[in-house]
Amino acid sequence: MSERQKKLLKEIVESYIATAKPVGSKSLCKKLSCSSATIRNEMAYLEELGYLEKNHISSGRIPSEAGYKYYVAHLMKPKELSESDAYKLQTIFRNQELALSDAMEACMEIISEITNYTSIVLGKSSEENALQQVSIIPLKDGDIIALVCTDKGIVQNRRFSLPNTISIQEVVKTCEIINKMLIGTPINEVSTRLEYEIKPVIAEKINQYETIFSIFTQTFQDFASKSNETVHVSGKNLLLKEPEYDNVDEIRNIMEKFEDRSLIEKIDSTGHDGGVNIYIGEESEFDSNVTVIKTTYKRNGEEGTIAIIGPKRMEYDRVVGLLTFINKELNKEEE
């Protein structure tokens, strides 16, 4: 591809991103200092290469999926964040009073506000977490809440109803045994130690130990499963403002996908290299008409993925610049 053809492709992609309208040769003559005929010939060549497509209702061209990929790989330069947007995000990341999960949710709201696209955070607890404390909180009518807290400040809880035959004192006593024997144990080892080390001990000291033991077993199982289930979606409706979603079937299709948790979690399973990764169309494994741009984070024993979902006609330079900034900020906090 010649330099003129590269410049032409860049102009067409960025014009289509900005206007959502097919690009004709006349609008490009001044920018490229070429005749309309020359532009048409070059556009035809780019179409032969598979980088442009002809729009059926116009003589103009639009980028193909391959065209977007070439643009991202060779022609795009990420935009730096504005000072005001950078300050908003830094204020959240540097607020020591905010739990990381809360900080990430607040971050997603700002990302959607900045980009007008849908943002997603998929978080999970790292195996670096160790058990710090198990607590029992009595409620009315024989209900209790079992709390599990790690040394990284991650807290999960589960509510139970105690049978009339079991006293709260025995549950608390079991809790004390667990705390004495398991504090400092890595979370991924707790269930095994609970079964083989704790169960024999409480069997000797607690009446109806099996029922009480099941409370703590279920609590830790919940903790292990929920540590991989934190999903927060912000700005789902923003995507519907894009002209790509101008009919009911398209709207229904994308909204159903946002409600499909397993599909959203696939975003986290797609390979990444630690930087900012771009998945266009079919590559996204979410929807063939969108682009997913994502980065990962890991801090204070928690890790996850931040993803921005928009149309293939996405402002790649702004989104990549934004996620590059966030990636650096989070890495800075980790250092």
Protein backbone atom coordinates (compact mmCIF):
# COMPACT_ATOMS: atom_id res chain seq x y z
CA MET A 1 0.00 0.00 0.00
CA SER A 2 1.42 3.40 -0.99
CA GLU A 3 1.63 6.33 1.41
CA ARG A 4 -1.21 8.03 -0.43
CA GLN A 5 -3.38 4.94 -0.11
CA LYS A 6 -2.59 4.72 3.61
CA LYS A 7 -3.51 8.37 4.07
CA LEU A 8 -6.69 7.82 2.07
CA LEU A 9 -7.70 4.83 4.19
CA LYS A 10 -7.01 6.79 7.37
CA GLU A 11 -9.16 9.69 6.17
CA ILE A 12 -12.04 7.40 5.22
CA VAL A 13 -11.97 5.48 8.50
CA GLU A 14 -11.83 8.64 10.62
CA SER A 15 -14.49 10.40 8.57
CA TYR A 16 -16.83 7.43 8.86
CA ILE A 17 -16.17 7.16 12.59
CA ALA A 18 -17.10 10.82 13.00
CA THR A 19 -20.17 10.96 10.74
CA ALA A 20 -21.43 7.40 10.23
CA LYS A 21 -21.88 8.40 6.57
CA PRO A 22 -20.22 6.78 3.53
CA VAL A 23 -17.28 8.79 2.23
CA GLY A 24 -17.26 10.00 -1.38
CA SER A 25 -14.30 11.01 -3.51
CA LYS A 26 -15.19 14.73 -3.72
CA SER A 27 -14.83 15.28 0.02
CA LEU A 28 -11.27 13.91 -0.09
CA CYS A 29 -9.83 15.88 -3.00
CA LYS A 30 -8.62 18.87 -1.01
CA LYS A 31 -7.26 16.80 1.87
CA LEU A 32 -5.17 14.63 -0.44
CA SER A 33 -4.51 17.22 -3.16
CA CYS A 34 -5.73 14.80 -5.83
CA SER A 35 -8.40 14.82 -8.49
CA SER A 36 -11.70 13.09 -7.90
CA ALA A 37 -10.81 10.50 -10.55
CA THR A 38 -7.53 9.66 -8.80
CA ILE A 39 -9.32 9.27 -5.48
CA ARG A 40 -11.92 6.99 -7.06
CA ASN A 41 -9.17 4.81 -8.53
CA GLU A 42 -7.39 4.58 -5.21
CA MET A 43 -10.65 3.78 -3.42
CA ALA A 44 -11.35 1.03 -5.93
CA TYR A 45 -7.90 -0.41 -5.25
CA LEU A 46 -8.46 -0.35 -1.47
CA GLU A 47 -11.78 -2.07 -2.07
CA GLU A 48 -9.98 -4.78 -4.05
CA LEU A 49 -7.61 -5.26 -1.12
CA GLY A 50 -10.65 -5.73 1.14
CA TYR A 51 -10.13 -2.59 3.25
CA LEU A 52 -13.19 -0.70 1.98
CA GLU A 53 -16.76 -1.66 1.15
CA LYS A 54 -19.28 -0.07 -1.16
CA ASN A 55 -22.40 1.21 0.51
CA HIS A 56 -25.54 0.03 -1.28
CA ILE A 57 -27.40 3.32 -0.97
CA SER A 58 -24.55 5.61 -1.93
CA SER A 59 -21.53 5.87 -4.19
CA GLY A 60 -19.35 6.39 -1.10
CA ARG A 61 -17.21 3.81 0.68
CA ILE A 62 -17.10 2.63 4.27
CA PRO A 63 -14.33 0.74 6.10
CA SER A 64 -14.55 -3.04 6.16
CA GLU A 65 -13.59 -5.06 9.21
CA ALA A 66 -10.18 -5.59 7.62
CA GLY A 67 -9.95 -1.84 7.05
CA TYR A 68 -10.52 -1.11 10.73
CA LYS A 69 -7.91 -3.69 11.68
CA TYR A 70 -5.32 -2.17 9.34
CA TYR A 71 -6.15 1.31 10.66
CA VAL A 72 -5.70 0.20 14.28
CA ALA A 73 -2.48 -1.68 13.60
CA HIS A 74 -0.73 0.82 11.32
CA LEU A 75 -2.42 4.22 11.09
CA MET A 76 -3.99 5.14 14.42
CA LYS A 77 -2.26 7.14 17.14
CA PRO A 78 -3.82 7.00 20.63
CA LYS A 79 -5.11 10.33 21.97
CA GLU A 80 -4.00 11.57 25.33
CA LEU A 81 -6.68 12.05 27.95
CA SER A 82 -7.76 15.60 28.73
CA GLU A 83 -6.52 16.99 32.04
CA SER A 84 -10.03 17.11 33.49
CA ASP A 85 -10.81 13.47 32.58
CA ALA A 86 -7.42 12.33 33.86
CA TYR A 87 -8.03 14.14 37.15
CA LYS A 88 -11.45 12.48 37.60
CA LEU A 89 -9.94 9.01 37.24
CA GLN A 90 -6.86 9.75 39.36
CA THR A 91 -9.08 11.02 42.17
CA ILE A 92 -10.85 7.65 42.26
CA PHE A 93 -7.73 5.48 42.00
CA ARG A 94 -5.91 7.42 44.73
CA ASN A 95 -8.78 7.44 47.21
CA GLN A 96 -7.46 5.06 49.88
CA GLU A 97 -10.87 4.84 51.56
CA LEU A 98 -12.49 3.23 48.50
CA ALA A 99 -12.45 -0.55 48.13
CA LEU A 100 -11.00 -1.51 44.75
CA SER A 101 -14.33 -2.97 43.59
CA ASP A 102 -16.07 0.34 44.39
CA ALA A 103 -13.29 2.29 42.69
CA MET A 104 -13.61 0.19 39.55
CA GLU A 105 -17.39 0.66 39.42
CA ALA A 106 -16.97 4.43 39.76
CA CYS A 107 -14.31 4.25 37.06
CA MET A 108 -16.73 2.48 34.70
CA GLU A 109 -19.29 5.26 35.13
CA ILE A 110 -16.69 7.86 34.17
CA ILE A 111 -15.46 5.79 31.20
CA SER A 112 -19.00 5.53 29.81
CA GLU A 113 -19.48 9.27 30.38
CA ILE A 114 -16.23 10.08 28.54
CA THR A 115 -16.70 7.71 25.61
CA ASN A 116 -20.49 7.32 25.29
CA TYR A 117 -19.87 3.58 24.97
CA THR A 118 -20.70 0.65 27.24
CA SER A 119 -18.05 -0.22 29.81
CA ILE A 120 -17.62 -3.44 31.75
CA VAL A 121 -15.44 -4.47 34.68
CA LEU A 122 -14.96 -8.18 35.34
CA GLY A 123 -13.22 -8.62 38.67
CA LYS A 124 -11.95 -11.56 40.63
CA SER A 125 -10.01 -12.17 43.80
CA SER A 126 -6.49 -13.40 43.49
CA GLU A 127 -5.29 -16.55 45.22
CA GLU A 128 -2.91 -14.25 47.10
CA ASN A 129 -5.77 -13.57 49.55
CA ALA A 130 -5.51 -15.24 52.93
CA LEU A 131 -8.26 -15.73 55.49
CA GLN A 132 -8.24 -12.99 58.11
CA GLN A 133 -11.46 -13.62 60.01
CA VAL A 134 -14.78 -15.41 60.02
CA SER A 135 -17.63 -13.75 61.92
CA ILE A 136 -21.20 -14.65 62.83
CA ILE A 137 -23.86 -11.95 63.14
CA PRO A 138 -27.13 -13.05 64.82
CA LEU A 139 -30.36 -11.68 63.34
CA LYS A 140 -34.02 -12.01 64.32
CA ASP A 141 -36.00 -15.25 64.11
CA GLY A 142 -32.99 -17.53 64.25
CA ASP A 143 -31.28 -16.14 61.15
CA ILE A 144 -27.57 -15.45 61.04
CA ILE A 145 -25.08 -13.89 58.64
CA ALA A 146 -21.70 -15.57 58.17
CA LEU A 147 -18.97 -13.11 57.11
CA VAL A 148 -15.61 -14.04 55.57
CA CYS A 149 -12.87 -11.39 55.41
CA THR A 150 -9.42 -11.68 53.79
CA ASP A 151 -6.17 -9.91 54.58
CA LYS A 152 -6.69 -7.85 51.41
CA GLY A 153 -9.96 -6.44 52.73
CA ILE A 154 -12.29 -8.52 50.56
CA VAL A 155 -15.53 -9.39 52.38
CA GLN A 156 -18.27 -11.87 51.41
CA ASN A 157 -21.35 -12.83 53.39
CA ARG A 158 -24.15 -15.38 53.35
CA ARG A 159 -27.40 -15.49 55.30
CA PHE A 160 -28.67 -18.71 56.92
CA SER A 161 -31.72 -19.79 58.93
CA LEU A 162 -30.77 -21.94 61.94
CA PRO A 163 -32.98 -24.90 62.86
CA ASN A 164 -34.61 -24.57 66.30
CA THR A 165 -32.47 -27.46 67.55
CA ILE A 166 -29.20 -25.55 67.05
CA SER A 167 -28.09 -22.78 69.40
CA ILE A 168 -26.31 -19.68 68.22
CA GLN A 169 -23.68 -20.33 70.91
CA GLU A 170 -22.57 -23.53 69.17
CA VAL A 171 -22.28 -21.72 65.84
CA VAL A 172 -20.15 -19.01 67.48
CA LYS A 173 -17.99 -21.66 69.14
CA THR A 174 -17.43 -23.32 65.77
CA CYS A 175 -16.52 -19.93 64.33
CA GLU A 176 -13.92 -19.46 67.09
CA ILE A 177 -12.35 -22.85 66.30
CA ILE A 178 -12.13 -21.97 62.59
CA ASN A 179 -10.53 -18.60 63.32
CA LYS A 180 -8.00 -20.16 65.70
CA MET A 181 -6.94 -22.84 63.22
CA LEU A 182 -7.33 -21.19 59.80
CA ILE A 183 -6.34 -17.52 60.07
CA GLY A 184 -3.57 -16.84 57.55
CA THR A 185 -4.54 -19.78 55.32
CA PRO A 186 -4.61 -18.93 51.58
CA ILE A 187 -8.24 -18.79 50.44
CA ASN A 188 -7.73 -21.52 47.85
CA GLU A 189 -6.63 -23.92 50.61
CA VAL A 190 -9.39 -23.17 53.14
CA SER A 191 -11.98 -25.69 51.92
CA THR A 192 -9.49 -28.58 52.02
CA ARG A 193 -8.27 -27.74 55.52
CA LEU A 194 -11.84 -27.22 56.67
CA GLU A 195 -12.76 -30.74 55.60
CA TYR A 196 -9.70 -32.63 56.82
CA GLU A 197 -8.49 -30.62 59.83
CA ILE A 198 -11.42 -28.64 61.22
CA LYS A 199 -14.27 -31.11 60.81
CA PRO A 200 -12.73 -33.76 63.13
CA VAL A 201 -12.17 -31.12 65.81
CA ILE A 202 -15.71 -29.74 65.80
CA ALA A 203 -17.12 -33.27 65.64
CA GLU A 204 -15.69 -33.80 69.13
CA LYS A 205 -16.83 -30.48 70.62
CA ILE A 206 -20.12 -29.49 68.89
CA ASN A 207 -23.53 -31.15 68.94
CA GLN A 208 -25.13 -31.57 65.49
CA TYR A 209 -21.76 -30.57 64.08
CA GLU A 210 -22.67 -31.66 60.53
CA THR A 211 -25.40 -29.00 60.16
CA ILE A 212 -23.18 -26.30 61.59
CA PHE A 213 -20.21 -27.46 59.52
CA SER A 214 -22.32 -27.19 56.35
CA ILE A 215 -22.97 -23.50 57.11
CA PHE A 216 -19.27 -22.72 57.01
CA THR A 217 -18.62 -25.04 54.07
CA GLN A 218 -21.29 -23.26 52.00
CA THR A 219 -19.96 -19.85 53.06
CA PHE A 220 -16.44 -20.64 51.89
CA GLN A 221 -17.72 -22.24 48.68
CA ASP A 222 -19.70 -19.07 47.98
CA PHE A 223 -16.61 -17.01 48.63
CA ALA A 224 -14.56 -19.07 46.18
CA SER A 225 -17.20 -18.88 43.44
CA LYS A 226 -18.11 -15.22 43.94
CA SER A 227 -14.45 -14.24 43.78
CA ASN A 228 -14.73 -14.90 40.03
CA GLU A 229 -18.17 -13.38 39.52
CA THR A 230 -17.85 -9.64 39.98
CA VAL A 231 -19.37 -8.11 36.84
CA HIS A 232 -20.43 -4.49 36.53
CA VAL A 233 -21.85 -3.08 33.30
CA SER A 234 -22.21 0.66 32.83
CA GLY A 235 -23.84 2.58 30.00
CA LYS A 236 -25.67 -0.30 28.30
CA ASN A 237 -28.17 2.11 26.76
CA LEU A 238 -25.44 4.39 25.37
CA LEU A 239 -24.69 1.90 22.62
CA LEU A 240 -28.30 2.15 21.47
CA LYS A 241 -27.76 5.82 20.58
CA GLU A 242 -25.41 4.78 17.78
CA PRO A 243 -26.96 4.71 14.27
CA GLU A 244 -25.97 1.04 13.95
CA TYR A 245 -28.87 0.28 16.31
CA ASP A 246 -31.75 1.84 14.42
CA ASN A 247 -34.18 -1.07 14.39
CA VAL A 248 -35.90 -3.22 17.00
CA ASP A 249 -34.21 -6.50 16.06
CA GLU A 250 -30.71 -5.05 16.43
CA ILE A 251 -31.62 -3.46 19.76
CA ARG A 252 -33.14 -6.68 21.08
CA ASN A 253 -30.11 -8.70 19.97
CA ILE A 254 -27.52 -6.52 21.69
CA MET A 255 -29.55 -6.07 24.89
CA GLU A 256 -30.02 -9.84 25.19
CA LYS A 257 -26.27 -10.24 24.93
CA PHE A 258 -25.70 -7.75 27.73
CA GLU A 259 -28.01 -9.86 29.91
CA ASP A 260 -26.09 -13.07 29.11
CA ARG A 261 -23.53 -13.31 31.90
CA SER A 262 -21.65 -16.21 30.33
CA LEU A 263 -21.22 -14.21 27.13
CA ILE A 264 -19.92 -11.18 29.04
CA GLU A 265 -17.52 -13.37 31.00
CA LYS A 266 -16.08 -14.59 27.66
CA ILE A 267 -14.60 -11.12 27.30
CA ASP A 268 -12.31 -11.92 30.22
CA SER A 269 -11.22 -15.27 28.75
CA THR A 270 -9.98 -13.80 25.46
CA GLY A 271 -6.18 -13.68 25.42
CA HIS A 272 -4.34 -10.53 26.46
CA ASP A 273 -0.73 -9.38 26.71
CA GLY A 274 -1.00 -7.07 29.71
CA GLY A 275 -1.44 -3.92 27.63
CA VAL A 276 -4.48 -2.69 25.69
CA ASN A 277 -6.00 -5.25 23.34
CA ILE A 278 -8.50 -4.67 20.52
CA TYR A 279 -10.99 -7.22 19.20
CA ILE A 280 -12.98 -6.13 16.15
CA GLY A 281 -16.17 -7.79 14.95
CA GLU A 282 -15.97 -11.59 15.00
CA GLU A 283 -12.75 -11.43 17.04
CA SER A 284 -14.70 -10.02 19.99
CA GLU A 285 -16.63 -13.28 20.53
CA PHE A 286 -19.41 -11.01 21.83
CA ASP A 287 -21.11 -9.65 18.73
CA SER A 288 -19.96 -9.40 15.11
CA ASN A 289 -21.06 -5.76 14.88
CA VAL A 290 -19.06 -4.43 17.83
CA THR A 291 -15.50 -3.80 18.88
CA VAL A 292 -14.24 -4.75 22.33
CA ILE A 293 -11.18 -2.92 23.64
CA LYS A 294 -9.85 -4.09 26.98
CA THR A 295 -7.04 -4.01 29.49
CA THR A 296 -6.37 -5.88 32.73
CA TYR A 297 -5.57 -4.81 36.27
CA LYS A 298 -4.13 -6.43 39.38
CA ARG A 299 -3.85 -4.70 42.71
CA ASN A 300 -4.09 -5.59 46.41
CA GLY A 301 -4.89 -9.21 45.72
CA GLU A 302 -7.66 -8.41 43.26
CA GLU A 303 -7.49 -8.63 39.51
CA GLY A 304 -9.79 -8.28 36.57
CA THR A 305 -10.54 -6.87 33.17
CA ILE A 306 -11.83 -3.49 32.05
CA ALA A 307 -13.54 -3.55 28.66
CA ILE A 308 -15.20 -0.93 26.50
CA ILE A 309 -17.77 -2.07 23.94
CA GLY A 310 -18.79 0.11 21.04
CA PRO A 311 -19.66 -0.13 17.35
CA LYS A 312 -16.92 -1.11 14.92
CA ARG A 313 -17.13 2.56 13.98
CA MET A 314 -15.55 3.35 17.36
CA GLU A 315 -13.24 6.23 18.24
CA TYR A 316 -10.28 3.89 18.59
CA ASP A 317 -7.74 6.60 19.29
CA ARG A 318 -9.73 7.98 22.27
CA VAL A 319 -10.57 4.59 23.76
CA VAL A 320 -7.05 3.19 23.42
CA GLY A 321 -5.63 6.38 24.93
CA LEU A 322 -8.09 6.14 27.83
CA LEU A 323 -7.38 2.49 28.62
CA THR A 324 -3.63 3.04 28.25
CA PHE A 325 -3.89 5.79 30.88
CA ILE A 326 -5.92 3.55 33.23
CA ASN A 327 -3.50 0.66 32.75
CA LYS A 328 -0.56 2.89 33.71
CA GLU A 329 -2.40 4.32 36.72
CA LEU A 330 -3.23 0.89 38.09
CA ASN A 331 0.29 -0.37 37.49
CA LYS A 332 1.60 2.71 39.26
CA GLU A 333 -0.53 1.80 42.28
CA GLU A 334 0.75 -1.77 42.17
CA GLU A 335 4.42 -0.70 42.22
